[in-house]
């Protein structure tokens, strides 16, 4: 895996995008938002490791409260 690719497990998180052209840096906020909403603990750990907890927290602060499932948002607020 290079710095511009993500694990194949993210295909389920980014189901509405052409996964082969997803750039983790250019799509950082989208990837974080979708991961929090649709990902599992493995996905969450990856974004925390890849982007860093502070960057994930900043990205979450930039998205509207309704764009992420409320139960997932509460858990993310605790984790990040």
N, C-alpha and C. Protein backbone atom coordinates (compact mmCIF):
# COMPACT_ATOMS: atom_id res chain seq x y z
N UNK A 1 0.84 -1.18 0.00
CA UNK A 1 0.00 0.00 0.00
C UNK A 1 0.89 1.24 0.00
N UNK A 2 0.65 2.13 -0.93
CA UNK A 2 1.39 3.38 -0.99
C UNK A 2 0.67 4.45 -0.18
N UNK A 3 1.27 5.60 -0.10
CA UNK A 3 0.67 6.70 0.68
C UNK A 3 -0.62 7.21 0.04
N UNK A 4 -0.87 6.89 -1.22
CA UNK A 4 -2.08 7.38 -1.88
C UNK A 4 -3.13 6.30 -2.07
N UNK A 5 -3.00 5.21 -1.36
CA UNK A 5 -4.02 4.17 -1.45
C UNK A 5 -4.49 3.81 -0.06
N UNK A 6 -5.65 3.20 -0.03
CA UNK A 6 -6.24 2.78 1.23
C UNK A 6 -6.44 1.28 1.18
N UNK A 7 -6.63 0.67 2.34
CA UNK A 7 -6.91 -0.77 2.36
C UNK A 7 -8.19 -1.08 1.60
N UNK A 8 -8.22 -2.25 0.98
CA UNK A 8 -9.41 -2.67 0.23
C UNK A 8 -10.66 -2.72 1.09
N UNK A 9 -10.49 -2.86 2.39
CA UNK A 9 -11.66 -2.92 3.28
C UNK A 9 -12.48 -1.64 3.23
N UNK A 10 -11.91 -0.56 2.72
CA UNK A 10 -12.63 0.72 2.63
C UNK A 10 -13.60 0.78 1.46
N UNK A 11 -13.59 -0.24 0.61
CA UNK A 11 -14.55 -0.26 -0.51
C UNK A 11 -15.98 -0.19 0.01
N UNK A 12 -16.23 -0.84 1.14
CA UNK A 12 -17.59 -0.82 1.70
C UNK A 12 -17.95 0.53 2.31
N UNK A 13 -16.97 1.26 2.76
CA UNK A 13 -17.19 2.59 3.35
C UNK A 13 -17.39 3.64 2.26
N UNK A 14 -16.69 3.46 1.16
CA UNK A 14 -16.74 4.42 0.05
C UNK A 14 -17.50 3.84 -1.13
N UNK A 15 -18.56 3.14 -0.85
CA UNK A 15 -19.33 2.42 -1.86
C UNK A 15 -19.87 3.31 -2.96
N UNK A 16 -20.10 4.58 -2.69
CA UNK A 16 -20.69 5.46 -3.72
C UNK A 16 -19.63 6.19 -4.55
N UNK A 17 -18.37 5.84 -4.37
CA UNK A 17 -17.27 6.47 -5.09
C UNK A 17 -16.51 5.42 -5.90
N UNK A 18 -15.81 5.87 -6.93
CA UNK A 18 -14.92 5.00 -7.69
C UNK A 18 -13.69 4.78 -6.81
N UNK A 19 -13.67 3.64 -6.13
CA UNK A 19 -12.64 3.39 -5.12
C UNK A 19 -11.23 3.49 -5.69
N UNK A 20 -11.03 3.04 -6.91
CA UNK A 20 -9.68 3.04 -7.49
C UNK A 20 -9.13 4.45 -7.68
N UNK A 21 -9.99 5.45 -7.73
CA UNK A 21 -9.51 6.83 -7.89
C UNK A 21 -9.62 7.66 -6.60
N UNK A 22 -9.94 7.02 -5.49
CA UNK A 22 -10.02 7.74 -4.22
C UNK A 22 -8.62 8.03 -3.68
N UNK A 23 -8.34 9.29 -3.49
CA UNK A 23 -7.06 9.73 -2.94
C UNK A 23 -7.29 10.08 -1.47
N UNK A 24 -6.62 9.42 -0.55
CA UNK A 24 -6.88 9.66 0.87
C UNK A 24 -6.56 11.08 1.34
N UNK A 25 -5.71 11.80 0.62
CA UNK A 25 -5.41 13.17 1.01
C UNK A 25 -6.40 14.16 0.41
N UNK A 26 -6.73 13.98 -0.85
CA UNK A 26 -7.67 14.90 -1.49
C UNK A 26 -9.10 14.72 -0.96
N UNK A 27 -9.40 13.52 -0.53
CA UNK A 27 -10.76 13.20 -0.06
C UNK A 27 -10.82 13.00 1.46
N UNK A 28 -9.88 13.58 2.17
CA UNK A 28 -9.75 13.34 3.60
C UNK A 28 -11.07 13.52 4.36
N UNK A 29 -11.73 14.64 4.20
CA UNK A 29 -12.97 14.89 4.96
C UNK A 29 -14.07 13.90 4.59
N UNK A 30 -14.19 13.59 3.31
CA UNK A 30 -15.20 12.62 2.87
C UNK A 30 -14.90 11.24 3.45
N UNK A 31 -13.65 10.84 3.41
CA UNK A 31 -13.26 9.53 3.93
C UNK A 31 -13.52 9.46 5.42
N UNK A 32 -13.16 10.49 6.14
CA UNK A 32 -13.39 10.50 7.59
C UNK A 32 -14.88 10.46 7.89
N UNK A 33 -15.65 11.28 7.22
CA UNK A 33 -17.11 11.32 7.44
C UNK A 33 -17.74 9.96 7.15
N UNK A 34 -17.42 9.38 6.01
CA UNK A 34 -18.00 8.08 5.66
C UNK A 34 -17.52 6.98 6.60
N UNK A 35 -16.28 7.05 7.02
CA UNK A 35 -15.75 6.04 7.94
C UNK A 35 -16.47 6.09 9.27
N UNK A 36 -16.69 7.28 9.78
CA UNK A 36 -17.40 7.41 11.05
C UNK A 36 -18.83 6.91 10.91
N UNK A 37 -19.47 7.21 9.79
CA UNK A 37 -20.86 6.80 9.60
C UNK A 37 -21.04 5.33 9.28
N UNK A 38 -20.17 4.79 8.45
CA UNK A 38 -20.39 3.44 7.92
C UNK A 38 -19.31 2.42 8.25
N UNK A 39 -18.21 2.87 8.82
CA UNK A 39 -17.10 1.97 9.08
C UNK A 39 -17.23 1.21 10.38
N UNK A 40 -16.33 0.26 10.54
CA UNK A 40 -16.26 -0.49 11.79
C UNK A 40 -15.01 -0.06 12.56
N UNK A 41 -14.72 -0.72 13.65
CA UNK A 41 -13.59 -0.32 14.49
C UNK A 41 -12.26 -0.39 13.72
N UNK A 42 -12.12 -1.37 12.85
CA UNK A 42 -10.89 -1.47 12.03
C UNK A 42 -10.71 -0.23 11.17
N UNK A 43 -11.79 0.24 10.56
CA UNK A 43 -11.73 1.45 9.74
C UNK A 43 -11.39 2.67 10.60
N UNK A 44 -12.02 2.76 11.75
CA UNK A 44 -11.77 3.89 12.65
C UNK A 44 -10.31 3.92 13.08
N UNK A 45 -9.76 2.76 13.39
CA UNK A 45 -8.35 2.70 13.80
C UNK A 45 -7.44 3.14 12.67
N UNK A 46 -7.80 2.77 11.44
CA UNK A 46 -6.97 3.15 10.30
C UNK A 46 -6.96 4.66 10.13
N UNK A 47 -8.13 5.31 10.15
CA UNK A 47 -8.12 6.77 9.96
C UNK A 47 -7.39 7.47 11.10
N UNK A 48 -7.51 6.93 12.31
CA UNK A 48 -6.80 7.53 13.44
C UNK A 48 -5.29 7.39 13.25
N UNK A 49 -4.86 6.23 12.79
CA UNK A 49 -3.44 5.99 12.56
C UNK A 49 -2.92 6.79 11.36
N UNK A 50 -3.70 6.85 10.29
CA UNK A 50 -3.27 7.50 9.05
C UNK A 50 -3.28 9.02 9.17
N UNK A 51 -4.38 9.58 9.65
CA UNK A 51 -4.53 11.03 9.71
C UNK A 51 -4.13 11.63 11.05
N UNK A 52 -4.17 10.85 12.11
CA UNK A 52 -3.92 11.36 13.45
C UNK A 52 -5.23 11.80 14.10
N UNK A 53 -5.34 11.58 15.39
CA UNK A 53 -6.59 11.88 16.11
C UNK A 53 -6.99 13.35 16.00
N UNK A 54 -6.03 14.26 16.05
CA UNK A 54 -6.36 15.69 15.97
C UNK A 54 -6.93 16.06 14.61
N UNK A 55 -6.37 15.50 13.54
CA UNK A 55 -6.90 15.79 12.20
C UNK A 55 -8.29 15.21 12.02
N UNK A 56 -8.54 14.03 12.58
CA UNK A 56 -9.88 13.44 12.50
C UNK A 56 -10.86 14.32 13.25
N UNK A 57 -10.47 14.77 14.43
CA UNK A 57 -11.34 15.63 15.23
C UNK A 57 -11.66 16.93 14.48
N UNK A 58 -10.64 17.54 13.87
CA UNK A 58 -10.86 18.77 13.11
C UNK A 58 -11.81 18.54 11.94
N UNK A 59 -11.63 17.42 11.24
CA UNK A 59 -12.51 17.11 10.11
C UNK A 59 -13.94 16.91 10.58
N UNK A 60 -14.12 16.27 11.72
CA UNK A 60 -15.46 16.06 12.27
C UNK A 60 -16.10 17.37 12.70
N UNK A 61 -15.29 18.28 13.19
CA UNK A 61 -15.80 19.60 13.58
C UNK A 61 -16.29 20.39 12.37
N UNK A 62 -15.74 20.09 11.18
CA UNK A 62 -16.08 20.82 9.96
C UNK A 62 -17.33 20.31 9.25
N UNK A 63 -17.83 19.13 9.64
CA UNK A 63 -19.02 18.60 8.96
C UNK A 63 -20.26 18.86 9.81
N UNK A 64 -21.39 19.02 9.13
CA UNK A 64 -22.62 19.31 9.86
C UNK A 64 -23.02 18.11 10.72
N UNK A 65 -23.70 18.39 11.77
CA UNK A 65 -24.13 17.36 12.71
C UNK A 65 -25.05 16.32 12.10
N UNK A 66 -25.77 16.68 11.07
CA UNK A 66 -26.71 15.74 10.46
C UNK A 66 -26.09 14.86 9.38
N UNK A 67 -24.85 15.13 8.99
CA UNK A 67 -24.23 14.33 7.93
C UNK A 67 -23.60 13.04 8.45
N UNK A 68 -23.59 12.87 9.76
CA UNK A 68 -23.07 11.65 10.39
C UNK A 68 -24.14 11.12 11.33
N UNK A 69 -24.34 9.80 11.31
CA UNK A 69 -25.33 9.19 12.20
C UNK A 69 -25.06 9.64 13.64
N UNK A 70 -26.11 9.99 14.36
CA UNK A 70 -25.94 10.56 15.70
C UNK A 70 -25.26 9.59 16.66
N UNK A 71 -25.59 8.31 16.59
CA UNK A 71 -24.95 7.35 17.50
C UNK A 71 -23.47 7.22 17.19
N UNK A 72 -23.12 7.26 15.90
CA UNK A 72 -21.71 7.17 15.52
C UNK A 72 -20.99 8.46 15.93
N UNK A 73 -21.67 9.57 15.80
CA UNK A 73 -21.07 10.86 16.17
C UNK A 73 -20.71 10.90 17.65
N UNK A 74 -21.61 10.38 18.48
CA UNK A 74 -21.36 10.37 19.93
C UNK A 74 -20.14 9.54 20.26
N UNK A 75 -20.02 8.37 19.63
CA UNK A 75 -18.88 7.50 19.86
C UNK A 75 -17.59 8.14 19.35
N UNK A 76 -17.67 8.77 18.19
CA UNK A 76 -16.50 9.45 17.62
C UNK A 76 -16.02 10.59 18.51
N UNK A 77 -16.96 11.31 19.08
CA UNK A 77 -16.60 12.40 19.99
C UNK A 77 -15.83 11.87 21.20
N UNK A 78 -16.18 10.69 21.66
CA UNK A 78 -15.47 10.07 22.78
C UNK A 78 -14.08 9.57 22.35
N UNK A 79 -13.99 9.02 21.15
CA UNK A 79 -12.74 8.41 20.68
C UNK A 79 -11.74 9.43 20.19
N UNK A 80 -12.22 10.52 19.60
CA UNK A 80 -11.32 11.51 19.03
C UNK A 80 -11.38 12.81 19.79
